[in-house]
Structures are given as structure tokens and as C-alpha cells.
Amino acid sequence: MLKRSSRLRLSRNKVGAGALALGLIAAGLPALGQDKPESILPPGFNEPVPTPAATPTPTRVTPAAGGDRPGPSAGDPLPPTLLAPADAGLTVSDTAGTPQQVDPSLLAAYDIPGYARRSPAMAGVVGVAEGGLGPRAFGTANGRFLETLMRKMNAPIPSRWVSIGLRQALASKVAAPPGVNGADFAAERAWLLVRMGESVVARAMVESIDPDRYTPKMYQVAMQAALATGDPAAVCPVVDKALAVSSERAWVLAKAMCAALSGAPKQAGTLLKAAQRSGAARGIDLLLAEKIVGSGSKGQGAVTIEWDGVDRLTIWRYGLAMATGDTIPAALFSTVASQVQYWRAQAPRLTEVARAPAAELAAAQGVLSNAAIVDLYGKVESGDEQGAAELGIARDLRVAYADPDRDVRLTAMRTLWDEPKQPRAQYARLVLTARAATSIVPYKDAPDADRLIASMLSAGLEAPALRWQGNILRGSNGWGMLALVETGGMVTRGDVDTYRSRATDVSGSRVKMLVAGLAGLGRLSGNDTASLTKGLSIDLTSTNSWTRALHRAAERRQPATVMLLAAVGMQTPNWHGVSPEALYHIVSALQRVGLEGQARMIAVEALARL
């Protein structure tokens, strides 16, 4: 697997977008993101299915013995009443001789022996040994408050290193905080991971909950994660139970697809025709489902997908197209958010050449690591797709890593760095060359020192970057990044003034971010902090609902809560929307809960990307 979002009163010196985020949440406004997973299909798909002649009486689902409390928690996107299957009556017509259905609870007990059952009260993907933050990472924070933050968050967020830290927090095996159902809490984490572009981790989070412990919210998110990974078959073990609790018409088609994939083409065809007659789906959405059914029946009923006239891409269309190997027109990707490109970067059905552009963006976001993107380009170079632009990048990358001549390596790196025109793509190339940069032995007045240091630190390679100390110009941007990384000694006002005099950004944002980062890391004295912040019109003492929540979580030693709130403080499209005050509070809080490495890298990233 490849490695690798009481009413607030703002002070006149705003402390960042996170303050506005909490204000909107407190006010009950939906402006910060989706309250629930988007409808799988476009308008019309969720129109009511005509009621069959014999509609069974609605029933409630009773959880298995020993399970968590049934139904969604307050604020969940689904209603508390769990209705019987919405496609009642859409069954195989020839049922003569069919044995009586086995009680699902007995099947669950057979499939999952008692010793292997997992409690949703302790769910997640990575333990402490694998890099998780520990079972008490959210501490006693109010679970409903945390779920609201996750649900309202706009994702992806602008910072690579905050994204990496948030993935770590969300994926950690943690105890469900007070006030929430464990499966629901896992579902909220998975849904945020999907929106961050972390499709593979999101699916793993869904799979960390045993199927018989699913809640309505988990069924909903399970479908989203399956489609984001291009594997609708992932929902087949739960499709029948999902139909009992969800009004989403996608499950009707999922049942037909799963029947085909399990070797029951006749049943699949009957279900598909019934769904079509009922109006559950039409157009390309139905055709894609038919193509899945055709592939499950060993090529019978092959379907050709025509994208002409399709004006937007939905997660349903994306997921089924990935599953069938159908090519999505490039123009449709302009109709969706950037996380879809991050899903593409991890799509196993795509060739390395097809994945490479998306993989670079995913590396800049933190979805893929430097090692993963370099490995991908290695496969591009060894492949047989001659003439592709990605092959030229792969060859330049090999030279940057392996040529014995230092100047030749540097020339290759400059070629890679200078080619992109967009800031995000430029930062992606720094991530791409991070380990190549470590092969350059430091030397005095190197013209590429700033970018070499930024490249190494984009991947967290602090030790080789620090070797450049003593070989770079005092007050350069490389010097500023190393000042944030160095863990010993203090930085003086005179050092910052020198940096300020050499700063090349007209707005002075880098100087403000350097001061905020140094203050948050405790690298400036109190007097120097006071004089510098006054001269730069930075107010590190202003507080609001976000800063109080952040520092309260830090005081209570809740690293996952702190990381979630740090991400809330970056509800902005790019780094230019992050204030120095917000950076200061984020860095300070992370340092206090033992996440010093992440704190340093976030401060460095501000200098590298502004």
C-alpha cells in the first residue's frame, strides 16, 4: 500500500480561519462543509420509489447482544427510525423452494467468533507501535463536539504537515470519547478521511468496525469509502442490512451488483431491471451499474459507457468507472474538489503514468510520502509507455538521485523545480526531490541552498538539512527554516531583523510567520517576542473560542483533539489565508502535547510555501 478537514466574538486581530469555523458551528450554520456524505447519485436518483402493493410494516433494527446503543447519535444525518428495506418487493420472482432465511444474528456469530469480535468502543487503524497517538488521544473531550468539528470541516486543508498529523490522529486506535457511539465516531473519522483524499485509510477505518456493529451512519460512510477506492464490492457483506436502515437508492443497485459479483447473474439481472422500472436510477448511473453486473457475469451483457452529455462527476460515477476500468473524461475532474485527484493517486487500476500527475498533488498534500512518489516514478521509467511527459520527469528524477556528478544532479533538480507554474505543483516537486537533496554535500554560498533545505524539510529530513548550518547566508530563507528546526539555543531580535532585511516577499508574511513560529516553539525570549510582534502588528495575546478550546485540549494532554483543532484553524484554501496568530497557537499547542516534530514542520512549511 502506498505510504505516505456560545457564538464566537472575534477580536479585531483575527486569530485565523479556525475562529470563524467555530463561530459558524456555534451559530448552527452549514457553511463550512458537508454535514453528511453527499448523495451518491445526482438529482433524481433519490426520488421516492413507487410503493409496492404489499409494503412490509416498518421495523426497528435491534442490535446484537452486547452491542452499543442502537441508532445514530444526536445530529446524525439519518433519522432515528430505521425503516424496512426501501426496495421491498424487488426480489427474485422465482422463489419456489427457497429455504427459510437464516437469522442474520446467527450468521454474524458464525462469521465472527467471540474471541475475534472487536468492540467499537476502541476502534482505529494504527496502534502506538505503528505510529498512532494512543488510546486516550482524545481524552475526555466531548464526543459530539468532536464529531461536529469533523463534520463541519472543509477538506482538504492547505498544510501538508497538518494533513499528515490529522490523518495520524483520525486513524489512531482510540477509545470513543464520552457522549458518542463508537461506530458512529469511527464513521465520522472515516468520512473526514474520505474528504481529505485519504481513501485507503478511510476504508481501513470502516473495516475496523465489525459489520454487525454498523450504525446507519457507518453504512452511509461505508458506501462512500468503497466508491472512493473504486471498489464497490467492499459493501457486499453489509448490503442487505444497509437496505434495512438506509433510504439511499444506491443500495438498491449495490444489491444487484453484489449478486452478480457473487455468481448469481439471474438474480442480479432481476434486481437491476426492478430498480430501473422503479426509477431508482437512469442514464449513465444505471449504465455503470449494468457494466459492473456484466463484468460479474463473465462478460455477459457488456456495456459501453458514453460520457457525452455528462456535465459533472459524482462519487458514484467515479467509483464505478474506476471499478470497471472506464476512462473518465479529463474535463469532468474540473467539476470536483481536489480530493478526487488524491483518490486517483491511489487507484490500483490506473497505470503509473496515468496516476503520476495526481500523485504529485497527493504528495504535496501529504496523502503520499516522498518514498511513495519516487517509487511510482521508478515504475514509470521501467514501464513501456514511451513518449509520455511523465517519462521525462522520471528520467530527470533518476539523474537527480543517482548521477555521480553533483552539478549534474543539481541541474536535474532545477529542471524539476522550475517546470511547474502553480504553487501547489511547485511544492510537490520539492517533496519529490527531498531525498535527492540530501546527497548534495553542503558548500558555501550555494545558489540553491534555500530550495535544497526546503526540499529536505518538506519530507521531514531534519538531520541532513541541519548540515547546511554554517554554509548559508544569515537571514536567508534557508536560514529561517533551519532556525525553526534547530532545537537548541535562542534566536535573537537581531537575527530576525537581518532576515527581515533580506526578505523577498513584498507582503512581509514570511517574517511574521517566522516570528510566530519561533515564539510558538519557545525560541524567542519574552522581550524579543514582545518587541517584534509589536513592530509587525501581530497580537499573540488575543483569544477567542478556538484558541481557548485549543489550549484547553493541550492542557489536558489530548494530542488528537489538539491536531483536530489545529486543522480547524486552517479553514482556508491556501497558506496565504493562515494568519501568524493562528500559526503561533497551533505550534504552541502541538509542542505542549509532545508533537514537537509536527510543530516544527508546520512552521517551516509556512516559510517554504509563502
Foldseek 3Di string as FASTA:
>chain_A
DFDWWCAWDADPQGLFLLSVLVNCVNVVHLPQAALADDFQDDPLLLDQFPDDPDDDDFDADDADPPADDAAFAPSDPADRRFGAFSLPPLFDPPCPPPDDDDDVVVVLCVVAPPVRADHLQFAAADEVVRPAPHACLQPQPALVVLLSLLSRIQDDFFAQLLLQLLLRLLRYGYGRHPDGHSQLSLLSSLQSCLNNLLLVRSLSSLVRHRLSRHHLSSLRSNCLSCLLQLHLLSCLVNLNVNSRGDSRLVSLLSPLLNCLLVPNLVRSVSSLVSCVVRSSDDDQLSQLSQCSSCVSNVNPPHGDHDCPPPDEDGSSNRSSCLNNVHDDDPVRVVRDDLSSLSSLLNHPSDQLLVNLVSVLLCNLNGSGALVSNLVSLVVVCVDDPPPRPSNVLSVLLCQLQDPPDPVSNVVSLCVCQPPDDDLSSNLSSLRNCQVSLLVDQAAAPDVCLLSSLSSVLSNPNLVSLLNNVVRYDQLDLSNLLNLLVDLDAADELVSLVSVQVPDDDPVSQLSLLSLLLCVLSVRYDPVSNVVVCVVVVHDLPDDMPLLVQLVVCLVVLNLNSNSSSLSSSRSDPHLVSRHSSSLNSSLNSNVSNPNNSSNSSSSSVSSVRD
